[in-house]
Amino acid sequence: MLLLIASGTLFFSSSYAQTDTLTVRGKIENLTVRLYRQAPEVTVARVNILQSNREIVRAAQLQPDGSFELKMPLVYPLEECYLTYANVVMPFLGEKGTVEITLNGDSLTKSEVPIRFGGIYATTNNRHAHFYVAFNKWLKANPEKPIKAATGFLFWEKVAQERDRKIDFYRTYQTVKDTLLDKWVISSLNDAAKARFYSYLSQEKQKLPLAISASTELDTNRFFTFAKADSYRQFTNYAIATTPNLPESSLPVNTLARLILQYVPNISTTDSLKLVGYVQGETAKMRELRWLSNLFNQKEDTLRLIAAYELYTRKFDAAHSAKELDYLKAAFYAENINNFALKNLTLWYNHLRPGLKNPYYVRSLDELHHIESLDSAVIRAVESKIEAATLNDPTEVLPGIFLTNIPPFLDVWSQLKRKFKGKIVYFLFWTNDEWGRRALAEANALRASLPPNSVEFVYVSEYKTNDDVWREAAIKSRSRGLHLKLDESQNDYFVAEWAVTQVPYAVLMDANGKYIRRNAPLPADREGWSKIWNKVFN
């Protein structure tokens, strides 16, 4: 056996599976100028089963008559989507075809259900809209009670009781038989209970009791909802938290031989025959391990990356069913999106995709990789430009998006104040995690809400983020402004200077280089911005 861990190389695949398309078409009736200014677009969101914490959103600008149309790709035959307009947020079911939506601008704040559905599943969507409002009112009046339990078995009993209480409300409320609506509501409540249960097991580091494993198994039917996506996400967290590591962080010789045959070029016929023998179960002698290591070293970066995936699947193979393992294999890609560069993700994608059994996991993986690869040409182009970029002459990678290379030990803070003298500047200090990337992406909406050209944006990445990952995150965020990454000493200086107590973290500086506010509102903090608006802009 040989010790293996991870790094990367690059392959490209053109096997992206085509998805179905849902068309969402509709109109905002009685649209006023004021309402248009407050809410000029309609958005529709859905999620990918491999990444439930990241919505896939499509937006449509309203036309002068209030009409709109957008297209949303779908992975599953039947998917739950969410429409958002102004203060209205409403789920609906969609499949290949057209859903028609009408909202009354006069009723947005007056009617509990100011929305009408037409097109596919119109009857079910309209019934669900009324149930959805009634259910949330009932839940507010009859809230869930905190659950305390010493064991997973007892916790599931209480979670199941809470699920059944909600199902009872639905059955009392919905007196007209609607098989699709029954399936939608009850499966969502079941999956929400499973998500809560797996979250408990993860936190408590408890294994799933065998007596209830059948009740909590993953739902693999072709009806896809937000609740199902969350249940899968919580299952992944549970698997990662409770599956023990293998006693040896190494691959068996037969697996190593198979990977060498697959990834190392120009192997002689003699060596190939010997490797095939190992794949088929022959035992390697100790003196032959050095020969295997030499072959491995010919493609070390690639094979270390592939070995990380193989060790991951080997770990879960011993503890989970084939159905669960199939999902965990696909989830490996999503779990690593924020921590590895596109070239690494592409290698994993090409390696793991052929081994997936569930066609919807394949399509979900294809969709994620397609999204991650959209900026591949820009990413490759910036690699040759970033080294020459300076603070005073950054490279523009996309319109309005500038990246700069910061030399070690540079007094960055003094240079930034000098560069932006006479301008208000908003600094966003972010880390490479879910919250940091979300704040980075939300900066564009903040910029759009401010008076034009009133504030400069500077995005400061902490030092731990890999350089390739930082550049790709900046490009994918589409956040206009100056992006820079600190080294460790610069990072420590900014943490002290800005009194950073949490991340992400924001700072506002006035045109004279003085602080308007340390710990300024984050991009999505509308209430925080309303409190300081007059101080900043008047």
Protein backbone atom coordinates (compact mmCIF):
# COMPACT_ATOMS: atom_id res chain seq x y z
CA MET A 1 0.00 0.00 0.00
CA LEU A 2 1.14 3.56 -0.75
CA LEU A 3 0.33 6.80 1.07
CA LEU A 4 -1.61 9.29 -1.09
CA ILE A 5 -3.23 12.74 -0.55
CA ALA A 6 -4.22 15.76 -3.04
CA SER A 7 -3.36 18.57 -5.65
CA GLY A 8 -4.35 18.93 -9.39
CA THR A 9 -4.33 19.03 -13.22
CA LEU A 10 -6.79 19.86 -15.99
CA PHE A 11 -9.18 17.94 -18.24
CA PHE A 12 -12.20 19.19 -20.16
CA SER A 13 -15.45 17.38 -20.84
CA SER A 14 -18.16 18.16 -23.37
CA SER A 15 -20.62 15.64 -21.90
CA TYR A 16 -22.87 18.18 -20.19
CA ALA A 17 -26.35 16.65 -20.20
CA GLN A 18 -29.07 18.91 -21.51
CA THR A 19 -31.77 19.87 -19.00
CA ASP A 20 -35.47 20.52 -19.49
CA THR A 21 -36.63 24.14 -19.58
CA LEU A 22 -39.46 25.72 -17.64
CA THR A 23 -40.86 28.97 -19.04
CA VAL A 24 -42.34 31.34 -16.44
CA ARG A 25 -44.52 34.00 -18.03
CA GLY A 26 -46.84 36.51 -16.46
CA LYS A 27 -47.87 40.04 -15.64
CA ILE A 28 -48.02 42.49 -12.75
CA GLU A 29 -51.46 44.03 -13.15
CA ASN A 30 -52.01 47.67 -12.11
CA LEU A 31 -48.27 48.35 -12.13
CA THR A 32 -47.56 51.90 -10.98
CA VAL A 33 -44.41 53.94 -11.53
CA ARG A 34 -43.72 53.84 -7.81
CA LEU A 35 -44.09 50.05 -7.63
CA TYR A 36 -41.89 49.62 -10.70
CA ARG A 37 -39.14 51.70 -9.09
CA GLN A 38 -39.36 49.69 -5.89
CA ALA A 39 -39.49 46.29 -7.63
CA PRO A 40 -38.48 46.35 -11.30
CA GLU A 41 -37.94 42.61 -11.69
CA VAL A 42 -39.37 39.19 -10.91
CA THR A 43 -37.10 36.35 -9.81
CA VAL A 44 -37.57 32.59 -9.78
CA ALA A 45 -35.29 30.30 -7.77
CA ARG A 46 -34.66 26.58 -7.46
CA VAL A 47 -31.86 24.51 -5.96
CA ASN A 48 -29.55 21.71 -7.01
CA ILE A 49 -29.72 18.53 -4.92
CA LEU A 50 -25.93 18.55 -4.54
CA GLN A 51 -25.85 22.13 -3.23
CA SER A 52 -29.02 23.12 -1.39
CA ASN A 53 -27.43 26.20 0.20
CA ARG A 54 -26.96 27.96 -3.15
CA GLU A 55 -30.05 28.96 -5.11
CA ILE A 56 -30.09 28.99 -8.89
CA VAL A 57 -31.88 32.22 -9.77
CA ARG A 58 -33.32 33.62 -12.97
CA ALA A 59 -34.57 37.22 -13.14
CA ALA A 60 -36.90 38.99 -15.59
CA GLN A 61 -37.16 42.76 -15.96
CA LEU A 62 -40.72 44.01 -16.06
CA GLN A 63 -41.89 45.46 -19.36
CA PRO A 64 -43.79 48.79 -19.38
CA ASP A 65 -47.11 46.92 -19.36
CA GLY A 66 -46.01 44.80 -16.38
CA SER A 67 -45.40 41.63 -18.37
CA PHE A 68 -42.37 39.39 -17.83
CA GLU A 69 -40.91 36.12 -19.05
CA LEU A 70 -37.94 34.00 -18.01
CA LYS A 71 -36.64 30.51 -18.59
CA MET A 72 -35.39 28.19 -15.86
CA PRO A 73 -33.44 24.96 -16.52
CA LEU A 74 -34.73 21.93 -14.63
CA VAL A 75 -32.89 18.75 -13.64
CA TYR A 76 -35.80 16.71 -12.27
CA PRO A 77 -39.04 16.07 -14.19
CA LEU A 78 -41.03 17.94 -11.52
CA GLU A 79 -39.42 20.64 -9.37
CA GLU A 80 -40.47 23.11 -6.72
CA CYS A 81 -39.50 26.70 -7.51
CA TYR A 82 -39.96 29.96 -5.61
CA LEU A 83 -41.22 33.18 -7.18
CA THR A 84 -40.27 36.49 -5.56
CA TYR A 85 -41.74 39.87 -6.40
CA ALA A 86 -41.73 42.83 -3.99
CA ASN A 87 -43.07 41.39 -0.71
CA VAL A 88 -44.49 38.24 -2.30
CA VAL A 89 -42.58 34.96 -1.98
CA MET A 90 -44.50 31.92 -3.21
CA PRO A 91 -43.53 28.33 -4.10
CA PHE A 92 -44.94 26.60 -7.17
CA LEU A 93 -44.41 23.40 -9.13
CA GLY A 94 -42.89 23.42 -12.57
CA GLU A 95 -41.89 20.99 -15.29
CA LYS A 96 -40.99 21.25 -18.95
CA GLY A 97 -43.57 23.68 -20.30
CA THR A 98 -45.03 27.01 -19.18
CA VAL A 99 -46.27 28.32 -15.84
CA GLU A 100 -48.29 31.52 -16.03
CA ILE A 101 -48.33 33.91 -13.08
CA THR A 102 -50.43 36.99 -12.49
CA LEU A 103 -49.99 39.37 -9.54
CA ASN A 104 -52.21 42.34 -8.74
CA GLY A 105 -50.10 45.38 -7.90
CA ASP A 106 -52.98 46.93 -5.92
CA SER A 107 -53.27 43.83 -3.71
CA LEU A 108 -49.63 43.08 -2.85
CA THR A 109 -49.99 44.39 0.70
CA LYS A 110 -53.75 43.97 1.03
CA SER A 111 -54.47 40.42 -0.06
CA GLU A 112 -53.03 37.33 1.63
CA VAL A 113 -52.79 35.61 -1.76
CA PRO A 114 -52.31 38.31 -4.44
CA ILE A 115 -51.18 35.73 -7.01
CA ARG A 116 -52.89 33.50 -9.60
CA PHE A 117 -51.31 30.61 -11.45
CA GLY A 118 -52.10 29.38 -14.94
CA GLY A 119 -50.48 26.91 -17.33
CA ILE A 120 -49.13 23.57 -16.11
CA TYR A 121 -50.36 22.47 -12.66
CA ALA A 122 -52.41 25.66 -12.35
CA THR A 123 -55.04 24.11 -10.07
CA THR A 124 -52.51 22.52 -7.73
CA ASN A 125 -50.36 25.65 -7.61
CA ASN A 126 -53.35 27.85 -6.76
CA ARG A 127 -54.51 25.47 -4.03
CA HIS A 128 -51.00 25.30 -2.61
CA ALA A 129 -50.70 29.11 -2.55
CA HIS A 130 -53.76 29.35 -0.30
CA PHE A 131 -52.58 26.44 1.86
CA TYR A 132 -49.08 27.93 2.13
CA VAL A 133 -50.44 31.20 3.55
CA ALA A 134 -52.86 29.43 5.89
CA PHE A 135 -50.17 27.01 7.08
CA ASN A 136 -47.73 29.80 7.97
CA LYS A 137 -50.45 31.67 9.87
CA TRP A 138 -51.36 28.49 11.75
CA LEU A 139 -47.70 27.73 12.49
CA LYS A 140 -47.21 31.24 13.88
CA ALA A 141 -50.19 30.75 16.18
CA ASN A 142 -49.16 27.15 17.02
CA PRO A 143 -45.35 27.17 16.96
CA GLU A 144 -43.14 24.14 17.25
CA LYS A 145 -41.84 23.33 20.71
CA PRO A 146 -38.09 22.86 21.25
CA ILE A 147 -37.14 19.19 21.14
CA LYS A 148 -34.83 17.71 23.73
CA ALA A 149 -33.88 14.05 23.58
CA ALA A 150 -31.00 11.96 24.86
CA THR A 151 -30.91 9.55 21.92
CA GLY A 152 -31.51 9.65 18.21
CA PHE A 153 -34.40 7.23 18.56
CA LEU A 154 -36.25 9.49 21.00
CA PHE A 155 -35.47 12.58 18.94
CA TRP A 156 -36.95 10.97 15.82
CA GLU A 157 -40.10 10.04 17.73
CA LYS A 158 -40.64 13.70 18.66
CA VAL A 159 -39.74 14.97 15.18
CA ALA A 160 -42.19 12.49 13.67
CA GLN A 161 -44.90 13.67 16.06
CA GLU A 162 -44.31 17.27 14.97
CA ARG A 163 -44.43 16.22 11.31
CA ASP A 164 -47.71 14.38 11.90
CA ARG A 165 -49.18 17.45 13.65
CA LYS A 166 -48.48 19.49 10.49
CA ILE A 167 -49.83 16.77 8.20
CA ASP A 168 -53.02 16.68 10.29
CA PHE A 169 -53.45 20.43 9.77
CA TYR A 170 -53.03 19.98 6.03
CA ARG A 171 -55.60 17.18 5.86
CA THR A 172 -58.08 19.23 7.86
CA TYR A 173 -57.50 22.30 5.70
CA GLN A 174 -57.49 20.62 2.29
CA THR A 175 -60.93 19.08 1.82
CA VAL A 176 -60.74 18.70 -1.98
CA LYS A 177 -58.82 15.66 -3.19
CA ASP A 178 -55.65 16.62 -5.09
CA THR A 179 -53.16 13.75 -5.38
CA LEU A 180 -50.32 15.94 -6.58
CA LEU A 181 -50.87 18.48 -3.80
CA ASP A 182 -50.93 15.65 -1.24
CA LYS A 183 -47.63 14.37 -2.55
CA TRP A 184 -46.09 17.85 -2.59
CA VAL A 185 -47.05 18.82 0.95
CA ILE A 186 -46.59 15.47 2.68
CA SER A 187 -43.26 14.66 1.01
CA SER A 188 -41.99 18.14 1.92
CA LEU A 189 -42.99 17.67 5.57
CA ASN A 190 -41.41 14.20 5.61
CA ASP A 191 -38.16 15.53 4.15
CA ALA A 192 -38.11 18.50 6.55
CA ALA A 193 -38.38 16.02 9.44
CA LYS A 194 -35.50 13.96 8.04
CA ALA A 195 -33.37 17.08 7.63
CA ARG A 196 -33.98 18.05 11.24
CA PHE A 197 -33.19 14.51 12.41
CA TYR A 198 -29.91 14.25 10.48
CA SER A 199 -28.91 17.69 11.76
CA TYR A 200 -29.40 16.41 15.32
CA LEU A 201 -27.34 13.28 14.66
CA SER A 202 -24.55 15.42 13.18
CA GLN A 203 -24.45 17.77 16.14
CA GLU A 204 -24.57 14.96 18.70
CA LYS A 205 -22.21 12.69 16.71
CA GLN A 206 -24.73 9.86 17.02
CA LYS A 207 -25.17 7.02 14.55
CA LEU A 208 -28.52 6.36 12.88
CA PRO A 209 -30.49 3.79 14.94
CA LEU A 210 -31.12 0.71 12.80
CA ALA A 211 -34.70 0.44 14.05
CA ILE A 212 -35.69 3.65 12.26
CA SER A 213 -33.36 3.51 9.25
CA ALA A 214 -36.21 2.61 6.89
CA SER A 215 -38.23 5.65 8.02
CA THR A 216 -35.36 8.06 7.47
CA GLU A 217 -33.83 6.75 4.25
CA LEU A 218 -33.24 9.15 1.38
CA ASP A 219 -36.21 9.76 -0.91
CA THR A 220 -35.06 9.06 -4.47
CA ASN A 221 -38.33 9.65 -6.34
CA ARG A 222 -38.39 12.14 -9.20
CA PHE A 223 -40.37 14.79 -7.32
CA PHE A 224 -37.87 17.43 -6.19
CA THR A 225 -38.45 20.10 -3.52
CA PHE A 226 -36.38 22.47 -1.43
CA ALA A 227 -37.09 20.27 1.61
CA LYS A 228 -35.71 17.21 -0.16
CA ALA A 229 -32.55 19.11 -1.09
CA ASP A 230 -32.09 20.12 2.55
CA SER A 231 -32.61 16.56 3.77
CA TYR A 232 -29.84 15.39 1.43
CA ARG A 233 -27.59 18.21 2.60
CA GLN A 234 -28.12 17.30 6.25
CA PHE A 235 -27.53 13.64 5.45
CA THR A 236 -24.18 14.58 3.87
CA ASN A 237 -23.23 16.54 6.99
CA TYR A 238 -24.23 13.54 9.10
CA ALA A 239 -22.16 11.14 6.99
CA ILE A 240 -19.10 13.38 7.19
CA ALA A 241 -19.50 13.92 10.95
CA THR A 242 -20.10 10.31 11.98
CA THR A 243 -18.27 8.07 9.49
CA PRO A 244 -14.91 7.10 11.00
CA ASN A 245 -11.73 7.60 9.01
CA LEU A 246 -10.06 4.52 7.62
CA PRO A 247 -7.22 3.13 9.78
CA GLU A 248 -4.83 3.66 6.85
CA SER A 249 -4.83 6.78 4.65
CA SER A 250 -3.72 4.76 1.65
CA LEU A 251 -5.11 2.95 -1.36
CA PRO A 252 -4.95 -0.80 -2.02
CA VAL A 253 -2.43 -1.82 -4.66
CA ASN A 254 -5.17 -2.91 -7.09
CA THR A 255 -6.80 0.56 -6.94
CA LEU A 256 -3.44 2.31 -7.30
CA ALA A 257 -2.59 0.14 -10.31
CA ARG A 258 -5.94 0.96 -11.92
CA LEU A 259 -5.36 4.70 -11.47
CA ILE A 260 -1.81 4.52 -12.85
CA LEU A 261 -3.12 2.70 -15.94
CA GLN A 262 -5.80 5.37 -16.35
CA TYR A 263 -3.72 8.52 -15.83
CA VAL A 264 -0.03 7.83 -16.50
CA PRO A 265 0.79 8.03 -20.25
CA ASN A 266 3.30 6.01 -22.26
CA ILE A 267 3.52 2.98 -19.98
CA SER A 268 5.43 0.11 -21.57
CA THR A 269 3.64 -3.09 -22.53
CA THR A 270 5.50 -5.05 -19.86
CA ASP A 271 4.58 -2.56 -17.13
CA SER A 272 0.98 -2.43 -18.33
CA LEU A 273 0.64 -6.21 -18.12
CA LYS A 274 2.08 -6.18 -14.60
CA LEU A 275 -0.35 -3.42 -13.55
CA VAL A 276 -3.29 -5.32 -15.04
CA GLY A 277 -2.27 -8.30 -12.93
CA TYR A 278 -2.42 -6.15 -9.78
CA VAL A 279 -5.84 -4.82 -10.79
CA GLN A 280 -7.03 -8.41 -11.11
CA GLY A 281 -5.84 -9.27 -7.61
CA GLU A 282 -2.21 -10.34 -7.84
CA THR A 283 -0.10 -9.48 -4.80
CA ALA A 284 2.69 -6.92 -5.12
CA LYS A 285 6.03 -7.75 -3.55
CA MET A 286 7.76 -5.19 -1.33
CA ARG A 287 10.50 -4.45 -3.90
CA GLU A 288 7.81 -3.62 -6.48
CA LEU A 289 6.33 -0.82 -4.34
CA ARG A 290 9.24 1.45 -5.30
CA TRP A 291 8.49 0.74 -8.96
CA LEU A 292 4.85 1.64 -8.37
CA SER A 293 5.93 4.85 -6.62
CA ASN A 294 8.08 5.83 -9.58
CA LEU A 295 5.15 5.37 -11.95
CA PHE A 296 2.92 7.32 -9.56
CA ASN A 297 5.39 10.21 -9.47
CA GLN A 298 5.14 10.65 -13.24
CA LYS A 299 1.64 12.09 -12.70
CA GLU A 300 1.88 12.89 -9.02
CA ASP A 301 -0.31 16.02 -8.92
CA THR A 302 -3.11 14.38 -10.85
CA LEU A 303 -2.96 11.10 -8.96
CA ARG A 304 -2.88 12.75 -5.53
CA LEU A 305 -6.07 14.59 -6.38
CA ILE A 306 -7.77 11.44 -7.70
CA ALA A 307 -6.55 9.50 -4.66
CA ALA A 308 -8.29 11.99 -2.35
CA TYR A 309 -11.60 11.14 -4.02
CA GLU A 310 -10.92 7.39 -4.00
CA LEU A 311 -10.10 7.48 -0.27
CA TYR A 312 -13.28 9.47 0.36
CA THR A 313 -15.46 6.89 -1.42
CA ARG A 314 -13.65 3.99 0.23
CA LYS A 315 -14.36 5.52 3.64
CA PHE A 316 -18.10 5.86 3.00
CA ASP A 317 -18.40 2.54 1.16
CA ALA A 318 -17.80 0.70 4.42
CA ALA A 319 -20.53 2.56 6.32
CA HIS A 320 -23.35 3.36 3.88
CA SER A 321 -25.67 1.67 1.41
CA ALA A 322 -25.04 1.67 -2.32
CA LYS A 323 -27.82 4.24 -2.80
CA GLU A 324 -26.33 6.56 -0.19
CA LEU A 325 -22.82 6.09 -1.54
CA ASP A 326 -23.98 7.04 -5.04
CA TYR A 327 -25.17 10.40 -3.71
CA LEU A 328 -22.07 10.95 -1.55
CA LYS A 329 -19.87 10.41 -4.60
CA ALA A 330 -21.65 13.19 -6.47
CA ALA A 331 -21.70 15.40 -3.35
CA PHE A 332 -17.89 15.20 -3.15
CA TYR A 333 -17.69 17.69 -6.04
CA ALA A 334 -20.08 20.15 -4.41
CA GLU A 335 -18.34 19.87 -1.03
CA ASN A 336 -15.08 21.02 -2.61
CA ILE A 337 -16.32 23.82 -4.90
CA ASN A 338 -15.23 26.67 -2.63
CA ASN A 339 -11.85 25.21 -1.74
CA PHE A 340 -10.33 24.16 -5.07
CA ALA A 341 -9.63 25.81 -8.40
CA LEU A 342 -11.58 24.98 -11.54
CA LYS A 343 -8.78 22.81 -12.94
CA ASN A 344 -9.03 20.56 -9.86
CA LEU A 345 -12.81 20.44 -9.98
CA THR A 346 -12.70 19.53 -13.67
CA LEU A 347 -10.41 16.60 -12.98
CA TRP A 348 -12.71 15.30 -10.25
CA TYR A 349 -15.77 15.85 -12.44
CA ASN A 350 -14.34 13.78 -15.29
CA HIS A 351 -13.23 11.04 -12.89
CA LEU A 352 -16.33 10.58 -10.77
CA ARG A 353 -19.12 11.22 -13.29
CA PRO A 354 -18.89 7.83 -15.12
CA GLY A 355 -19.30 5.98 -11.80
CA LEU A 356 -22.64 7.55 -10.83
CA LYS A 357 -25.75 5.38 -11.16
CA ASN A 358 -28.64 7.78 -10.48
CA PRO A 359 -29.29 9.79 -13.69
CA TYR A 360 -30.49 12.82 -11.71
CA TYR A 361 -27.27 12.94 -9.72
CA VAL A 362 -25.44 12.91 -13.06
CA ARG A 363 -27.58 15.77 -14.38
CA SER A 364 -27.18 17.69 -11.11
CA LEU A 365 -23.40 17.26 -11.26
CA ASP A 366 -23.39 18.37 -14.91
CA GLU A 367 -25.33 21.49 -13.99
CA LEU A 368 -22.95 22.45 -11.17
CA HIS A 369 -19.88 21.88 -13.30
CA HIS A 370 -21.41 23.83 -16.17
CA ILE A 371 -22.00 26.78 -13.80
CA GLU A 372 -18.47 26.56 -12.40
CA SER A 373 -16.98 26.45 -15.90
CA LEU A 374 -18.81 29.46 -17.36
CA ASP A 375 -15.84 31.76 -16.68
CA SER A 376 -13.11 29.30 -17.66
CA ALA A 377 -11.80 31.50 -20.51
CA VAL A 378 -11.56 34.55 -18.24
CA ILE A 379 -9.89 32.47 -15.53
CA ARG A 380 -7.25 31.21 -17.93
CA ALA A 381 -6.63 34.71 -19.33
CA VAL A 382 -6.06 36.31 -15.93
CA GLU A 383 -3.36 33.81 -14.96
CA SER A 384 -0.88 35.50 -17.30
CA LYS A 385 -1.84 39.04 -16.26
CA ILE A 386 -2.09 38.98 -12.49
CA GLU A 387 1.64 38.95 -11.75
CA ALA A 388 2.12 42.34 -13.46
CA ALA A 389 -0.95 43.92 -11.83
CA THR A 390 -0.27 46.54 -9.14
CA LEU A 391 -2.41 48.52 -6.76
CA ASN A 392 -2.14 51.58 -8.99
CA ASP A 393 -2.46 49.61 -12.21
CA PRO A 394 -4.74 46.60 -11.54
CA THR A 395 -5.87 44.27 -14.29
CA GLU A 396 -9.49 44.54 -15.43
CA VAL A 397 -10.69 40.95 -15.81
CA LEU A 398 -14.30 41.86 -16.62
CA PRO A 399 -15.95 45.28 -17.01
CA GLY A 400 -15.55 47.08 -13.69
CA ILE A 401 -13.87 44.12 -11.95
CA PHE A 402 -10.22 44.75 -11.11
CA LEU A 403 -7.70 42.37 -9.55
CA THR A 404 -4.32 43.33 -8.19
CA ASN A 405 -1.26 41.47 -6.99
CA ILE A 406 -0.09 42.66 -3.55
CA PRO A 407 3.64 42.19 -2.86
CA PRO A 408 4.63 40.81 0.56
CA PHE A 409 5.21 43.36 3.33
CA LEU A 410 3.62 46.22 1.36
CA ASP A 411 1.96 48.85 3.56
CA VAL A 412 -1.39 48.20 1.89
CA TRP A 413 -3.53 50.40 4.15
CA SER A 414 -1.50 53.57 3.48
CA GLN A 415 -1.45 52.80 -0.25
CA LEU A 416 -5.23 52.30 -0.34
CA LYS A 417 -5.93 55.56 1.48
CA ARG A 418 -3.64 57.38 -0.93
CA LYS A 419 -5.23 55.73 -3.98
CA PHE A 420 -8.80 56.57 -2.94
CA LYS A 421 -8.19 60.02 -1.46
CA GLY A 422 -11.23 62.21 -2.06
CA LYS A 423 -13.64 59.24 -2.37
CA ILE A 424 -15.91 57.34 -0.03
CA VAL A 425 -14.76 53.71 0.11
CA TYR A 426 -16.55 50.58 1.27
CA PHE A 427 -14.17 47.78 2.26
CA LEU A 428 -15.44 44.22 2.53
CA PHE A 429 -13.14 41.80 4.36
CA TRP A 430 -14.20 38.27 3.44
CA THR A 431 -13.18 34.69 4.05
CA ASN A 432 -13.53 31.76 1.70
CA ASP A 433 -16.61 30.17 3.25
CA GLU A 434 -20.35 30.18 2.62
CA TRP A 435 -20.91 33.47 4.48
CA GLY A 436 -17.93 35.26 2.97
CA ARG A 437 -18.83 34.29 -0.60
CA ARG A 438 -22.44 35.25 -0.02
CA ALA A 439 -21.42 38.72 1.20
CA LEU A 440 -19.11 39.08 -1.79
CA ALA A 441 -21.93 38.26 -4.21
CA GLU A 442 -24.40 40.52 -2.41
CA ALA A 443 -22.15 43.55 -2.86
CA ASN A 444 -23.49 44.09 -6.38
CA ALA A 445 -27.04 44.59 -5.10
CA LEU A 446 -25.73 47.07 -2.54
CA ARG A 447 -23.82 49.00 -5.20
CA ALA A 448 -26.97 49.21 -7.34
CA SER A 449 -28.94 50.65 -4.41
CA LEU A 450 -26.46 53.48 -3.75
CA PRO A 451 -26.32 56.79 -5.63
CA PRO A 452 -24.37 56.20 -8.88
CA ASN A 453 -20.56 56.47 -8.55
CA SER A 454 -20.87 57.60 -4.93
CA VAL A 455 -18.84 54.82 -3.29
CA GLU A 456 -15.75 52.86 -4.31
CA PHE A 457 -15.78 49.15 -3.44
CA VAL A 458 -12.68 47.25 -2.30
CA TYR A 459 -12.84 43.52 -1.54
CA VAL A 460 -10.12 42.27 0.80
CA SER A 461 -9.55 38.51 0.96
CA GLU A 462 -7.93 36.99 4.01
CA TYR A 463 -4.53 35.36 3.54
CA LYS A 464 -5.51 31.69 3.95
CA THR A 465 -7.41 31.50 0.67
CA ASN A 466 -5.51 29.82 -2.16
CA ASP A 467 -4.49 32.34 -4.87
CA ASP A 468 -6.27 30.48 -7.68
CA VAL A 469 -9.41 30.06 -5.58
CA TRP A 470 -9.38 33.77 -4.65
CA ARG A 471 -9.10 34.89 -8.28
CA GLU A 472 -11.88 32.57 -9.40
CA ALA A 473 -14.17 33.64 -6.53
CA ALA A 474 -13.67 37.31 -7.44
CA ILE A 475 -14.49 36.63 -11.10
CA LYS A 476 -17.53 34.44 -10.37
CA SER A 477 -18.98 36.93 -7.89
CA ARG A 478 -19.24 39.62 -10.61
CA SER A 479 -18.67 42.17 -7.82
CA ARG A 480 -17.50 45.40 -9.41
CA GLY A 481 -14.59 47.13 -7.71
CA LEU A 482 -11.02 46.36 -6.66
CA HIS A 483 -10.16 42.86 -5.42
CA LEU A 484 -6.99 42.12 -3.47
CA LYS A 485 -5.60 39.34 -1.30
CA LEU A 486 -3.42 39.86 1.76
CA ASP A 487 -0.45 37.93 3.04
CA GLU A 488 -0.39 36.84 6.68
CA SER A 489 1.36 39.91 8.12
CA GLN A 490 -0.89 42.27 6.15
CA ASN A 491 -3.89 40.26 7.30
CA ASP A 492 -2.86 40.65 10.95
CA TYR A 493 -2.41 44.40 10.46
CA PHE A 494 -5.90 44.86 8.99
CA VAL A 495 -7.52 42.74 11.71
CA ALA A 496 -5.96 45.01 14.35
CA GLU A 497 -6.46 48.31 12.47
CA TRP A 498 -10.10 47.61 11.68
CA ALA A 499 -10.83 45.88 15.00
CA VAL A 500 -12.20 42.86 13.14
CA THR A 501 -14.22 40.68 15.51
CA GLN A 502 -16.09 38.53 13.00
CA VAL A 503 -16.08 37.73 9.30
CA PRO A 504 -17.27 38.83 6.87
CA TYR A 505 -16.61 42.37 8.07
CA ALA A 506 -17.07 45.80 6.48
CA VAL A 507 -15.52 49.24 6.91
CA LEU A 508 -16.64 52.62 5.55
CA MET A 509 -14.06 55.37 4.97
CA ASP A 510 -14.86 58.97 4.07
CA ALA A 511 -13.25 61.12 1.38
CA ASN A 512 -10.62 62.34 3.86
CA GLY A 513 -9.45 58.84 4.75
CA LYS A 514 -11.24 58.88 8.12
CA TYR A 515 -13.50 56.11 9.36
CA ILE A 516 -17.21 56.65 8.93
CA ARG A 517 -17.70 53.32 10.64
CA ARG A 518 -15.71 50.27 11.50
CA ASN A 519 -17.99 47.25 11.58
CA ALA A 520 -20.14 48.88 8.90
CA PRO A 521 -23.31 47.13 7.65
CA LEU A 522 -22.71 44.13 5.43
CA PRO A 523 -24.06 44.31 1.86
CA ALA A 524 -27.41 42.64 2.63
CA ASP A 525 -28.06 44.52 5.89
CA ARG A 526 -30.75 46.92 4.66
CA GLU A 527 -31.74 48.03 8.15
CA GLY A 528 -28.12 48.83 9.00
CA TRP A 529 -27.70 50.88 5.82
CA SER A 530 -30.90 52.83 6.45
CA LYS A 531 -29.52 53.92 9.84
CA ILE A 532 -26.31 55.40 8.40
CA TRP A 533 -27.65 56.57 5.03
CA ASN A 534 -27.91 60.27 5.92
CA LYS A 535 -24.50 60.28 7.57
CA VAL A 536 -22.88 58.87 4.44
CA PHE A 537 -24.71 60.70 1.66
CA ASN A 538 -25.93 64.00 3.15
